C-alpha atoms as a PDB file:
ATOM      1  CA  UNK A   1      56.154 -12.387  43.968  1.00  0.00           C
ATOM      2  CA  UNK A   2      57.321 -12.398  40.349  1.00  0.00           C
ATOM      3  CA  UNK A   3      54.866 -13.741  37.771  1.00  0.00           C
ATOM      4  CA  UNK A   4      56.038 -16.093  35.062  1.00  0.00           C
ATOM      5  CA  UNK A   5      54.731 -14.672  31.753  1.00  0.00           C
ATOM      6  CA  UNK A   6      56.455 -17.189  29.460  1.00  0.00           C
ATOM      7  CA  UNK A   7      53.203 -18.892  28.563  1.00  0.00           C
ATOM      8  CA  UNK A   8      51.064 -15.883  27.820  1.00  0.00           C
ATOM      9  CA  UNK A   9      50.335 -15.486  24.151  1.00  0.00           C
ATOM     10  CA  UNK A  10      51.402 -12.143  22.755  1.00  0.00           C
ATOM     11  CA  UNK A  11      49.924 -11.273  19.406  1.00  0.00           C
ATOM     12  CA  UNK A  12      50.444  -8.146  17.367  1.00  0.00           C
ATOM     13  CA  UNK A  13      48.423  -7.032  14.384  1.00  0.00           C
ATOM     14  CA  UNK A  14      51.361  -5.762  12.431  1.00  0.00           C
ATOM     15  CA  UNK A  15      54.820  -7.182  12.019  1.00  0.00           C
ATOM     16  CA  UNK A  16      57.718  -4.782  12.312  1.00  0.00           C
ATOM     17  CA  UNK A  17      57.868  -2.721   9.148  1.00  0.00           C
ATOM     18  CA  UNK A  18      60.443  -4.677   7.198  1.00  0.00           C
ATOM     19  CA  UNK A  19      60.689  -4.887   3.444  1.00  0.00           C
ATOM     20  CA  UNK A  20      60.124  -8.231   1.732  1.00  0.00           C
ATOM     21  CA  UNK A  21      63.832  -8.384   1.006  1.00  0.00           C
ATOM     22  CA  UNK A  22      64.737  -7.754   4.664  1.00  0.00           C
ATOM     23  CA  UNK A  23      62.291 -10.448   5.792  1.00  0.00           C
ATOM     24  CA  UNK A  24      63.758 -12.922   3.309  1.00  0.00           C
ATOM     25  CA  UNK A  25      67.305 -12.263   4.544  1.00  0.00           C
ATOM     26  CA  UNK A  26      66.233 -12.620   8.176  1.00  0.00           C
ATOM     27  CA  UNK A  27      64.201 -15.763   7.469  1.00  0.00           C
ATOM     28  CA  UNK A  28      67.184 -17.382   5.745  1.00  0.00           C
ATOM     29  CA  UNK A  29      69.295 -16.533   8.780  1.00  0.00           C
ATOM     30  CA  UNK A  30      66.583 -17.911  11.078  1.00  0.00           C
ATOM     31  CA  UNK A  31      66.445 -21.135   9.051  1.00  0.00           C
ATOM     32  CA  UNK A  32      70.208 -21.503   9.288  1.00  0.00           C
ATOM     33  CA  UNK A  33      70.152 -20.877  13.052  1.00  0.00           C
ATOM     34  CA  UNK A  34      67.315 -23.368  13.513  1.00  0.00           C
ATOM     35  CA  UNK A  35      69.177 -26.033  11.518  1.00  0.00           C
ATOM     36  CA  UNK A  36      72.306 -25.407  13.608  1.00  0.00           C
ATOM     37  CA  UNK A  37      70.303 -25.902  16.816  1.00  0.00           C
ATOM     38  CA  UNK A  38      69.998 -22.267  17.891  1.00  0.00           C
ATOM     39  CA  UNK A  39      66.250 -22.569  18.441  1.00  0.00           C
ATOM     40  CA  UNK A  40      65.632 -19.492  20.589  1.00  0.00           C
ATOM     41  CA  UNK A  41      67.570 -17.234  18.253  1.00  0.00           C
ATOM     42  CA  UNK A  42      65.647 -18.569  15.256  1.00  0.00           C
ATOM     43  CA  UNK A  43      62.400 -18.147  17.185  1.00  0.00           C
ATOM     44  CA  UNK A  44      63.150 -14.464  17.798  1.00  0.00           C
ATOM     45  CA  UNK A  45      63.766 -13.879  14.106  1.00  0.00           C
ATOM     46  CA  UNK A  46      60.650 -15.774  12.994  1.00  0.00           C
ATOM     47  CA  UNK A  47      58.551 -13.880  15.539  1.00  0.00           C
ATOM     48  CA  UNK A  48      59.928 -10.571  14.279  1.00  0.00           C
ATOM     49  CA  UNK A  49      59.276 -11.387  10.631  1.00  0.00           C
ATOM     50  CA  UNK A  50      56.006 -13.239  11.204  1.00  0.00           C
ATOM     51  CA  UNK A  51      57.337 -16.238   9.251  1.00  0.00           C
ATOM     52  CA  UNK A  52      54.632 -18.836   9.855  1.00  0.00           C
ATOM     53  CA  UNK A  53      56.563 -21.847   8.527  1.00  0.00           C
ATOM     54  CA  UNK A  54      59.485 -21.039  10.805  1.00  0.00           C
ATOM     55  CA  UNK A  55      57.193 -20.480  13.791  1.00  0.00           C
ATOM     56  CA  UNK A  56      55.512 -23.818  13.093  1.00  0.00           C
ATOM     57  CA  UNK A  57      58.858 -25.640  12.911  1.00  0.00           C
ATOM     58  CA  UNK A  58      59.926 -24.106  16.219  1.00  0.00           C
ATOM     59  CA  UNK A  59      56.524 -25.097  17.646  1.00  0.00           C
ATOM     60  CA  UNK A  60      57.146 -28.658  16.433  1.00  0.00           C
ATOM     61  CA  UNK A  61      60.506 -28.602  18.211  1.00  0.00           C
ATOM     62  CA  UNK A  62      58.858 -27.562  21.493  1.00  0.00           C
ATOM     63  CA  UNK A  63      56.084 -30.144  21.039  1.00  0.00           C
ATOM     64  CA  UNK A  64      58.750 -32.855  20.657  1.00  0.00           C
ATOM     65  CA  UNK A  65      60.336 -31.578  23.880  1.00  0.00           C
ATOM     66  CA  UNK A  66      56.947 -31.960  25.650  1.00  0.00           C
ATOM     67  CA  UNK A  67      56.730 -28.167  26.055  1.00  0.00           C
ATOM     68  CA  UNK A  68      53.130 -28.072  24.873  1.00  0.00           C
ATOM     69  CA  UNK A  69      52.267 -24.542  25.996  1.00  0.00           C
ATOM     70  CA  UNK A  70      55.212 -23.015  24.164  1.00  0.00           C
ATOM     71  CA  UNK A  71      54.357 -25.099  21.097  1.00  0.00           C
ATOM     72  CA  UNK A  72      50.768 -23.840  21.291  1.00  0.00           C
ATOM     73  CA  UNK A  73      51.955 -20.226  21.578  1.00  0.00           C
ATOM     74  CA  UNK A  74      54.053 -20.565  18.431  1.00  0.00           C
ATOM     75  CA  UNK A  75      51.347 -22.382  16.465  1.00  0.00           C
ATOM     76  CA  UNK A  76      48.948 -19.622  17.468  1.00  0.00           C
ATOM     77  CA  UNK A  77      51.374 -16.916  16.326  1.00  0.00           C
ATOM     78  CA  UNK A  78      51.813 -18.825  13.056  1.00  0.00           C
ATOM     79  CA  UNK A  79      48.011 -18.951  12.702  1.00  0.00           C
ATOM     80  CA  UNK A  80      48.369 -22.712  12.303  1.00  0.00           C
ATOM     81  CA  UNK A  81      44.946 -24.019  13.327  1.00  0.00           C
ATOM     82  CA  UNK A  82      45.721 -27.562  12.200  1.00  0.00           C
ATOM     83  CA  UNK A  83      48.404 -27.781  14.905  1.00  0.00           C
ATOM     84  CA  UNK A  84      46.921 -25.484  17.579  1.00  0.00           C
ATOM     85  CA  UNK A  85      43.336 -26.748  17.665  1.00  0.00           C
ATOM     86  CA  UNK A  86      44.156 -30.323  18.834  1.00  0.00           C
ATOM     87  CA  UNK A  87      46.167 -28.872  21.736  1.00  0.00           C
ATOM     88  CA  UNK A  88      43.352 -26.483  22.605  1.00  0.00           C
ATOM     89  CA  UNK A  89      40.845 -29.349  22.450  1.00  0.00           C
ATOM     90  CA  UNK A  90      43.018 -31.398  24.829  1.00  0.00           C
ATOM     91  CA  UNK A  91      43.222 -28.485  27.251  1.00  0.00           C
ATOM     92  CA  UNK A  92      39.442 -28.034  27.097  1.00  0.00           C
ATOM     93  CA  UNK A  93      38.966 -31.729  27.947  1.00  0.00           C
ATOM     94  CA  UNK A  94      41.320 -31.407  30.923  1.00  0.00           C
ATOM     95  CA  UNK A  95      39.463 -28.360  32.232  1.00  0.00           C
ATOM     96  CA  UNK A  96      36.104 -30.127  31.778  1.00  0.00           C
ATOM     97  CA  UNK A  97      37.365 -33.117  33.775  1.00  0.00           C
ATOM     98  CA  UNK A  98      38.667 -30.862  36.521  1.00  0.00           C
ATOM     99  CA  UNK A  99      35.366 -29.013  36.727  1.00  0.00           C
ATOM    100  CA  UNK A 100      33.403 -32.276  36.659  1.00  0.00           C
ATOM    101  CA  UNK A 101      35.547 -33.782  39.440  1.00  0.00           C
ATOM    102  CA  UNK A 102      35.259 -30.598  41.488  1.00  0.00           C
ATOM    103  CA  UNK A 103      31.443 -30.466  41.226  1.00  0.00           C
ATOM    104  CA  UNK A 104      31.130 -34.148  42.179  1.00  0.00           C
ATOM    105  CA  UNK A 105      33.031 -33.465  45.388  1.00  0.00           C
ATOM    106  CA  UNK A 106      30.771 -30.603  46.447  1.00  0.00           C
ATOM    107  CA  UNK A 107      27.890 -31.389  48.792  1.00  0.00           C
ATOM    108  CA  UNK A 108      24.526 -30.132  47.686  1.00  0.00           C
ATOM    109  CA  UNK A 109      23.341 -27.711  50.350  1.00  0.00           C
END
């Protein structure tokens, strides 16, 4: 059975060793690709450069598409707590409800 790892959050401590100039060139290209609708290509560039504004914009795109887990992953990579924490809070509430419903259905032995 093949596992689907699309929703696991991968975080690295250091971004690929690129100069500031190289990052700027790549980020401009990523912005252009994003504006032209090439979201995945832009996402790859922003992930490589660690460009938080670009990652947040791609996260916003996925949130608008109702792809909440991918949006959360990108907000997390962008270190955007303002956008990631409400999603995390919603997930916590869902898990709490599931646990609460599960414990109510269990007979006390």
